[in-house]
Every structure is written in C-alpha cells, then in structure tokens.
Amino acid sequence: MATNQLRQAYEQAEKLPFKYQDMIAEKILEAIEEAEWDEWLARADIAEMLDNSAEEAKAEHLTGKTIKYVQGKSLAELFQ
C-alpha cells in the first residue's frame, strides 16, 4: 500500500521519458536504502553493539594491540 503522494509521484514519473524515469528510480532507491540504514542504526540493540565495539577498539588501541596505518603501504606489508 502506498500513500497518495507516492502514488501521485509514480503516475507523474510514468509520463516522463525513460531516461528520466530511471534517474528518478535511482534517487528513490538510494533514499530507501538510506532510510533502511537510518532505521537499522537507530535500533537500541545495534546502538549498544556499536558502542561496545567502539569501547573494545579503544581498549585494544590503549593496550598497543593496533597497528599504525602508514599511507602507501598495503595491508600485507603492515601485517608482516
């Protein structure tokens, strides 16, 4: 089920040449993906998981378990 506004936008878009329909569809799909990410990141369990991951990363860094990134070196070179 779609809202009246979404239905109206779809009907208007159908009247446009295909290249414009594809451009509009791409923007809509990008907006949907962004909204899905926003919803996912707003979940309490995800926020808690991200907070825990950040704390773990900070602790690893403080205990010297991280490797400093050197621009221009590959991951293979950094982990030798």
N, C-alpha and C. Protein backbone atom coordinates (compact mmCIF):
# COMPACT_ATOMS: atom_id res chain seq x y z
N MET A 1 0.85 -1.17 0.00
CA MET A 1 0.00 0.00 0.00
C MET A 1 0.90 1.24 0.00
N ALA A 2 0.59 2.18 -0.85
CA ALA A 2 1.38 3.41 -0.95
C ALA A 2 0.52 4.59 -0.53
N THR A 3 1.19 5.64 -0.13
CA THR A 3 0.46 6.86 0.21
C THR A 3 -0.04 7.53 -1.07
N ASN A 4 -0.97 8.43 -0.91
CA ASN A 4 -1.48 9.17 -2.08
C ASN A 4 -0.37 9.94 -2.77
N GLN A 5 0.51 10.53 -1.97
CA GLN A 5 1.60 11.33 -2.54
C GLN A 5 2.55 10.45 -3.35
N LEU A 6 2.87 9.26 -2.85
CA LEU A 6 3.75 8.35 -3.57
C LEU A 6 3.08 7.87 -4.86
N ARG A 7 1.80 7.56 -4.78
CA ARG A 7 1.05 7.15 -5.97
C ARG A 7 1.05 8.25 -7.02
N GLN A 8 0.84 9.49 -6.58
CA GLN A 8 0.82 10.64 -7.49
C GLN A 8 2.20 10.83 -8.13
N ALA A 9 3.26 10.70 -7.35
CA ALA A 9 4.62 10.84 -7.88
C ALA A 9 4.89 9.76 -8.93
N TYR A 10 4.45 8.54 -8.66
CA TYR A 10 4.64 7.45 -9.60
C TYR A 10 3.90 7.73 -10.91
N GLU A 11 2.67 8.19 -10.81
CA GLU A 11 1.88 8.48 -12.00
C GLU A 11 2.52 9.60 -12.83
N GLN A 12 3.05 10.60 -12.15
CA GLN A 12 3.72 11.70 -12.86
C GLN A 12 5.01 11.19 -13.52
N ALA A 13 5.75 10.36 -12.81
CA ALA A 13 7.00 9.84 -13.35
C ALA A 13 6.77 8.97 -14.58
N GLU A 14 5.65 8.24 -14.60
CA GLU A 14 5.34 7.38 -15.75
C GLU A 14 5.20 8.17 -17.04
N LYS A 15 4.87 9.43 -16.94
CA LYS A 15 4.66 10.28 -18.13
C LYS A 15 5.98 10.79 -18.71
N LEU A 16 7.06 10.65 -17.98
CA LEU A 16 8.36 11.16 -18.42
C LEU A 16 9.06 10.17 -19.33
N PRO A 17 10.02 10.66 -20.13
CA PRO A 17 10.84 9.73 -20.93
C PRO A 17 11.58 8.76 -20.00
N PHE A 18 11.91 7.58 -20.56
CA PHE A 18 12.52 6.52 -19.77
C PHE A 18 13.79 6.96 -19.05
N LYS A 19 14.62 7.79 -19.69
CA LYS A 19 15.88 8.18 -19.05
C LYS A 19 15.60 8.94 -17.76
N TYR A 20 14.55 9.75 -17.73
CA TYR A 20 14.20 10.48 -16.51
C TYR A 20 13.57 9.55 -15.48
N GLN A 21 12.79 8.58 -15.96
CA GLN A 21 12.21 7.60 -15.04
C GLN A 21 13.32 6.83 -14.32
N ASP A 22 14.36 6.45 -15.08
CA ASP A 22 15.47 5.73 -14.46
C ASP A 22 16.22 6.61 -13.46
N MET A 23 16.40 7.88 -13.78
CA MET A 23 17.08 8.79 -12.85
C MET A 23 16.28 8.93 -11.56
N ILE A 24 14.97 9.08 -11.68
CA ILE A 24 14.11 9.22 -10.51
C ILE A 24 14.11 7.92 -9.70
N ALA A 25 14.03 6.79 -10.40
CA ALA A 25 14.04 5.49 -9.71
C ALA A 25 15.33 5.31 -8.93
N GLU A 26 16.45 5.70 -9.52
CA GLU A 26 17.74 5.57 -8.83
C GLU A 26 17.75 6.41 -7.55
N LYS A 27 17.25 7.63 -7.63
CA LYS A 27 17.21 8.50 -6.44
C LYS A 27 16.28 7.92 -5.37
N ILE A 28 15.16 7.39 -5.78
CA ILE A 28 14.22 6.80 -4.83
C ILE A 28 14.86 5.59 -4.14
N LEU A 29 15.52 4.73 -4.91
CA LEU A 29 16.16 3.55 -4.34
C LEU A 29 17.28 3.94 -3.38
N GLU A 30 18.03 4.98 -3.72
CA GLU A 30 19.08 5.47 -2.80
C GLU A 30 18.45 5.99 -1.51
N ALA A 31 17.34 6.72 -1.63
CA ALA A 31 16.68 7.25 -0.44
C ALA A 31 16.13 6.12 0.43
N ILE A 32 15.61 5.08 -0.20
CA ILE A 32 15.09 3.93 0.54
C ILE A 32 16.23 3.24 1.29
N GLU A 33 17.35 3.04 0.61
CA GLU A 33 18.50 2.39 1.26
C GLU A 33 18.99 3.23 2.45
N GLU A 34 19.06 4.52 2.26
CA GLU A 34 19.49 5.40 3.36
C GLU A 34 18.51 5.32 4.53
N ALA A 35 17.22 5.30 4.23
CA ALA A 35 16.21 5.21 5.29
C ALA A 35 16.33 3.88 6.03
N GLU A 36 16.60 2.81 5.28
CA GLU A 36 16.77 1.50 5.93
C GLU A 36 17.97 1.51 6.86
N TRP A 37 19.08 2.11 6.43
CA TRP A 37 20.25 2.22 7.29
C TRP A 37 19.93 3.06 8.52
N ASP A 38 19.24 4.18 8.32
CA ASP A 38 18.88 5.03 9.46
C ASP A 38 18.04 4.26 10.47
N GLU A 39 17.07 3.48 9.99
CA GLU A 39 16.23 2.68 10.88
C GLU A 39 17.06 1.63 11.60
N TRP A 40 17.96 0.97 10.87
CA TRP A 40 18.80 -0.07 11.46
C TRP A 40 19.71 0.52 12.53
N LEU A 41 20.34 1.65 12.22
CA LEU A 41 21.26 2.27 13.17
C LEU A 41 20.54 2.84 14.39
N ALA A 42 19.27 3.14 14.25
CA ALA A 42 18.51 3.71 15.36
C ALA A 42 18.04 2.64 16.35
N ARG A 43 18.15 1.38 15.98
CA ARG A 43 17.73 0.30 16.89
C ARG A 43 18.62 0.28 18.12
N ALA A 44 18.01 0.07 19.27
CA ALA A 44 18.75 0.08 20.54
C ALA A 44 19.81 -1.00 20.59
N ASP A 45 19.50 -2.20 20.09
CA ASP A 45 20.49 -3.28 20.15
C ASP A 45 21.69 -3.00 19.25
N ILE A 46 21.46 -2.35 18.13
CA ILE A 46 22.56 -2.00 17.22
C ILE A 46 23.40 -0.89 17.82
N ALA A 47 22.75 0.11 18.40
CA ALA A 47 23.47 1.21 19.04
C ALA A 47 24.36 0.67 20.16
N GLU A 48 23.83 -0.27 20.93
CA GLU A 48 24.61 -0.88 22.02
C GLU A 48 25.80 -1.66 21.46
N MET A 49 25.56 -2.42 20.39
CA MET A 49 26.64 -3.19 19.78
C MET A 49 27.75 -2.26 19.27
N LEU A 50 27.35 -1.16 18.62
CA LEU A 50 28.33 -0.21 18.11
C LEU A 50 29.11 0.46 19.23
N ASP A 51 28.41 0.80 20.32
CA ASP A 51 29.08 1.37 21.48
C ASP A 51 30.10 0.39 22.06
N ASN A 52 29.70 -0.87 22.18
CA ASN A 52 30.61 -1.90 22.70
C ASN A 52 31.81 -2.08 21.79
N SER A 53 31.57 -2.08 20.48
CA SER A 53 32.67 -2.23 19.52
C SER A 53 33.64 -1.06 19.63
N ALA A 54 33.11 0.14 19.81
CA ALA A 54 33.96 1.32 19.94
C ALA A 54 34.81 1.23 21.21
N GLU A 55 34.20 0.78 22.29
CA GLU A 55 34.94 0.63 23.55
C GLU A 55 36.03 -0.43 23.42
N GLU A 56 35.71 -1.55 22.75
CA GLU A 56 36.70 -2.60 22.54
C GLU A 56 37.86 -2.08 21.69
N ALA A 57 37.55 -1.32 20.66
CA ALA A 57 38.60 -0.77 19.79
C ALA A 57 39.50 0.19 20.56
N LYS A 58 38.89 1.03 21.40
CA LYS A 58 39.69 1.95 22.22
C LYS A 58 40.60 1.19 23.17
N ALA A 59 40.06 0.15 23.80
CA ALA A 59 40.85 -0.65 24.74
C ALA A 59 42.01 -1.34 24.02
N GLU A 60 41.76 -1.88 22.83
CA GLU A 60 42.82 -2.52 22.07
C GLU A 60 43.91 -1.52 21.70
N HIS A 61 43.49 -0.33 21.33
CA HIS A 61 44.46 0.71 20.97
C HIS A 61 45.31 1.10 22.18
N LEU A 62 44.65 1.27 23.32
CA LEU A 62 45.38 1.68 24.53
C LEU A 62 46.35 0.60 25.01
N THR A 63 46.06 -0.66 24.71
CA THR A 63 46.96 -1.73 25.13
C THR A 63 47.99 -2.08 24.05
N GLY A 64 48.04 -1.29 23.00
CA GLY A 64 49.05 -1.49 21.95
C GLY A 64 48.76 -2.62 20.99
N LYS A 65 47.52 -3.04 20.90
CA LYS A 65 47.17 -4.15 20.01
C LYS A 65 46.83 -3.70 18.59
N THR A 66 46.92 -2.41 18.33
CA THR A 66 46.59 -1.90 17.00
C THR A 66 47.89 -1.56 16.26
N ILE A 67 47.79 -1.52 14.95
CA ILE A 67 48.93 -1.19 14.11
C ILE A 67 48.67 0.17 13.47
N LYS A 68 49.66 1.03 13.52
CA LYS A 68 49.51 2.35 12.92
C LYS A 68 49.48 2.23 11.40
N TYR A 69 48.54 2.91 10.80
CA TYR A 69 48.42 2.91 9.35
C TYR A 69 49.50 3.79 8.75
N VAL A 70 50.18 3.26 7.75
CA VAL A 70 51.20 4.01 7.04
C VAL A 70 50.72 4.17 5.61
N GLN A 71 50.45 5.40 5.22
CA GLN A 71 49.92 5.66 3.89
C GLN A 71 50.87 5.12 2.83
N GLY A 72 50.31 4.44 1.85
CA GLY A 72 51.10 3.89 0.76
C GLY A 72 51.48 2.43 0.96
N LYS A 73 51.32 1.91 2.17
CA LYS A 73 51.63 0.51 2.41
C LYS A 73 50.37 -0.34 2.31
N SER A 74 50.54 -1.53 1.80
CA SER A 74 49.41 -2.44 1.69
C SER A 74 49.16 -3.09 3.05
N LEU A 75 48.01 -3.71 3.19
CA LEU A 75 47.71 -4.42 4.43
C LEU A 75 48.70 -5.55 4.66
N ALA A 76 49.10 -6.20 3.59
CA ALA A 76 50.06 -7.29 3.71
C ALA A 76 51.38 -6.76 4.29
N GLU A 77 51.82 -5.61 3.82
CA GLU A 77 53.06 -5.01 4.34
C GLU A 77 52.91 -4.60 5.80
N LEU A 78 51.76 -4.08 6.16
CA LEU A 78 51.55 -3.64 7.54
C LEU A 78 51.52 -4.79 8.52
N PHE A 79 51.05 -5.96 8.08
CA PHE A 79 50.91 -7.09 8.99
C PHE A 79 52.08 -8.07 8.93
N GLN A 80 53.18 -7.70 8.28
CA GLN A 80 54.36 -8.57 8.25
C GLN A 80 55.07 -8.54 9.57
